[in-house]
Protein backbone atom coordinates (compact mmCIF):
# COMPACT_ATOMS: atom_id res chain seq x y z
CA MET A 1 86.12 70.13 98.15
CA LYS A 2 84.33 73.26 99.37
CA ARG A 3 86.17 73.14 102.70
CA ILE A 4 89.52 73.05 100.90
CA SER A 5 88.53 76.12 98.86
CA THR A 6 87.54 78.14 101.93
CA VAL A 7 90.72 77.16 103.77
CA PHE A 8 92.75 78.17 100.71
CA LEU A 9 91.00 81.55 100.54
CA GLN A 10 91.49 82.08 104.27
CA THR A 11 95.18 81.35 103.78
CA VAL A 12 95.32 83.90 100.97
CA ILE A 13 93.68 86.49 103.24
CA VAL A 14 96.23 85.80 105.98
CA LEU A 15 99.07 86.15 103.45
CA ILE A 16 97.63 89.45 102.22
CA GLY A 17 97.55 90.67 105.81
CA ILE A 18 101.16 89.60 106.44
CA VAL A 19 102.38 91.31 103.26
CA ALA A 20 100.46 94.49 104.09
CA LEU A 21 101.92 94.51 107.60
CA ALA A 22 105.43 93.99 106.23
CA VAL A 23 104.94 96.89 103.81
CA LEU A 24 103.67 99.10 106.64
CA ILE A 25 106.75 98.30 108.71
CA ARG A 26 109.35 98.47 105.92
CA PHE A 27 108.07 101.28 103.67
CA PRO A 28 108.60 104.21 106.08
CA LEU A 29 112.27 103.27 106.36
CA THR A 30 112.86 103.59 102.62
CA GLU A 31 110.58 106.33 101.34
CA GLY A 32 111.79 109.84 100.59
CA ARG A 33 109.90 111.72 103.29
CA ALA A 34 111.80 109.95 106.08
CA ALA A 35 115.08 109.14 104.36
CA ASN A 36 117.17 111.32 106.64
CA LEU A 37 115.31 110.76 109.92
CA ASP A 38 116.27 108.55 112.85
CA LEU A 39 114.16 105.50 113.73
CA PHE A 40 112.04 107.27 116.36
CA SER A 41 111.35 110.28 114.14
CA ILE A 42 110.29 108.06 111.26
CA TYR A 43 107.55 106.39 113.26
CA ALA A 44 106.57 109.65 115.00
CA ASP A 45 105.87 111.40 111.68
CA PRO A 46 102.17 112.47 111.69
CA PHE A 47 101.58 111.37 108.10
CA ILE A 48 103.05 107.91 108.71
CA LEU A 49 100.99 107.61 111.90
CA TYR A 50 97.93 108.60 109.87
CA GLY A 51 98.76 105.80 107.43
CA TYR A 52 98.92 103.32 110.30
CA GLY A 53 95.61 104.57 111.66
CA ALA A 54 93.97 104.34 108.26
CA SER A 55 95.28 100.80 107.79
CA ILE A 56 93.17 99.64 110.74
CA ALA A 57 90.08 99.75 108.50
CA PHE A 58 91.89 97.55 105.95
CA PHE A 59 92.85 94.96 108.56
CA VAL A 60 89.34 94.96 110.07
CA ALA A 61 87.94 94.31 106.58
CA LEU A 62 90.43 91.46 106.08
CA TYR A 63 89.41 89.96 109.42
CA ASN A 64 85.75 90.18 108.46
CA ALA A 65 86.46 88.53 105.09
CA PHE A 66 88.21 85.75 107.00
CA ARG A 67 85.15 85.40 109.27
CA LEU A 68 82.82 85.34 106.26
CA LEU A 69 84.80 82.50 104.75
CA GLY A 70 84.52 80.73 108.10
CA TYR A 71 80.73 81.04 107.93
CA ILE A 72 80.78 79.69 104.39
CA GLY A 73 83.00 76.78 105.42
CA GLN A 74 80.56 75.90 108.21
CA ASN A 75 77.58 76.01 105.80
CA GLN A 76 76.23 79.11 107.55
CA ALA A 77 76.49 81.43 104.57
CA PHE A 78 72.78 82.29 104.82
CA SER A 79 72.85 83.59 108.37
CA ALA A 80 72.53 86.91 110.14
CA GLY A 81 76.23 86.70 111.03
CA SER A 82 77.16 86.66 107.35
CA VAL A 83 75.03 89.72 106.68
CA LYS A 84 76.59 91.54 109.63
CA THR A 85 80.07 90.60 108.42
CA LEU A 86 79.32 91.92 104.93
CA LYS A 87 77.97 95.13 106.46
CA ASN A 88 81.22 95.54 108.43
CA ILE A 89 83.28 95.01 105.27
CA LYS A 90 81.18 97.64 103.48
CA TYR A 91 81.68 100.18 106.29
CA CYS A 92 85.43 99.50 106.33
CA ALA A 93 85.68 100.01 102.56
CA VAL A 94 83.75 103.29 102.72
CA LEU A 95 85.85 104.50 105.67
CA LEU A 96 89.06 103.51 103.90
CA SER A 97 88.07 105.41 100.76
CA ILE A 98 87.32 108.51 102.82
CA LEU A 99 90.64 108.24 104.67
CA ILE A 100 92.54 107.84 101.39
CA VAL A 101 90.86 110.94 99.94
CA VAL A 102 91.76 112.92 103.06
CA ALA A 103 95.40 111.79 102.77
CA GLY A 104 95.44 112.79 99.09
CA LEU A 105 94.01 116.20 99.91
CA PHE A 106 96.55 116.65 102.70
CA ILE A 107 99.46 115.89 100.37
CA ARG A 108 97.97 118.05 97.61
CA LEU A 109 97.58 121.06 99.88
CA THR A 110 100.77 120.75 101.94
CA HIS A 111 103.36 119.29 99.56
CA ASP A 112 106.66 121.05 98.97
CA LYS A 113 106.53 123.17 95.81
CA GLU A 114 109.65 121.42 94.48
CA ASP A 115 108.01 118.02 94.96
CA ASP A 116 105.59 116.50 92.47
CA PRO A 117 102.69 114.74 94.21
CA ALA A 118 101.23 113.33 90.99
CA GLY A 119 102.31 109.74 91.67
CA PHE A 120 100.91 109.72 95.18
CA LEU A 121 97.68 111.34 94.02
CA ALA A 122 97.32 108.77 91.23
CA ILE A 123 97.71 105.98 93.78
CA CYS A 124 95.10 107.71 95.96
CA ILE A 125 92.66 107.91 93.06
CA VAL A 126 93.12 104.26 92.09
CA THR A 127 92.87 102.92 95.66
CA THR A 128 89.84 105.09 96.37
CA PHE A 129 88.18 103.74 93.23
CA VAL A 130 89.00 100.16 94.27
CA ALA A 131 87.62 100.74 97.78
CA ILE A 132 84.40 102.21 96.36
CA VAL A 133 84.01 99.27 93.96
CA VAL A 134 84.52 96.84 96.85
CA ALA A 135 81.98 98.71 98.99
CA THR A 136 79.44 98.68 96.16
CA ALA A 137 79.93 94.99 95.41
CA VAL A 138 79.67 94.08 99.09
CA ALA A 139 76.51 96.20 99.43
CA VAL A 140 74.94 94.30 96.53
CA PHE A 141 75.95 90.93 98.04
CA GLU A 142 74.64 92.04 101.43
CA LYS A 143 71.27 92.99 99.97
CA LEU A 144 71.02 89.74 97.99
CA LEU A 145 71.95 87.68 101.03
CA GLN A 146 69.47 89.54 103.23
CA ASN A 147 66.71 88.97 100.63
CA ALA A 148 67.58 85.27 100.45
CA ILE A 149 67.46 84.99 104.25
CA ASP A 150 64.11 86.81 104.34
CA MET A 151 62.69 84.51 101.64
CA LYS A 152 63.96 81.44 103.49
CA SER A 153 62.39 82.59 106.77
CA GLU A 154 59.07 83.29 104.99
CA ASN A 155 59.12 79.82 103.43
CA ASP A 156 59.91 78.24 106.82
CA LEU A 157 56.91 80.03 108.35
CA THR A 158 54.48 78.91 105.63
CA VAL A 159 55.55 75.26 105.70
């Protein structure tokens, strides 16, 4: 039963990655900033390129979550690899929150005076909050897992 659950969660992670990639490909073609640009100019826009660069942290975190579920499926949840994977997810979440804040500041400082950036800034605030919550939760899980591994190794030495 546990193997089915981990495979299901891995499938969900892959689907999240596919949907995020589809949004990254399709969204620049339809949003207002690039509505009147040709195909090359759309994907050469510095802000859109920044979005693609920032999305690397998201996809690295998804890959690490997939790896973590692989460790769990192989009954290696209490291993150094799991702790390292959680640490990578934490770093990706912190980096992503920083990159989102920088994008929000860029739009806030450089937006056209006739344009209202409130919607974009609200999305930046919410996604930054989510990334910080994820980073905090993963840091707590990392510390708990590291303590459990340390206790297990101490018990193995005393036995």
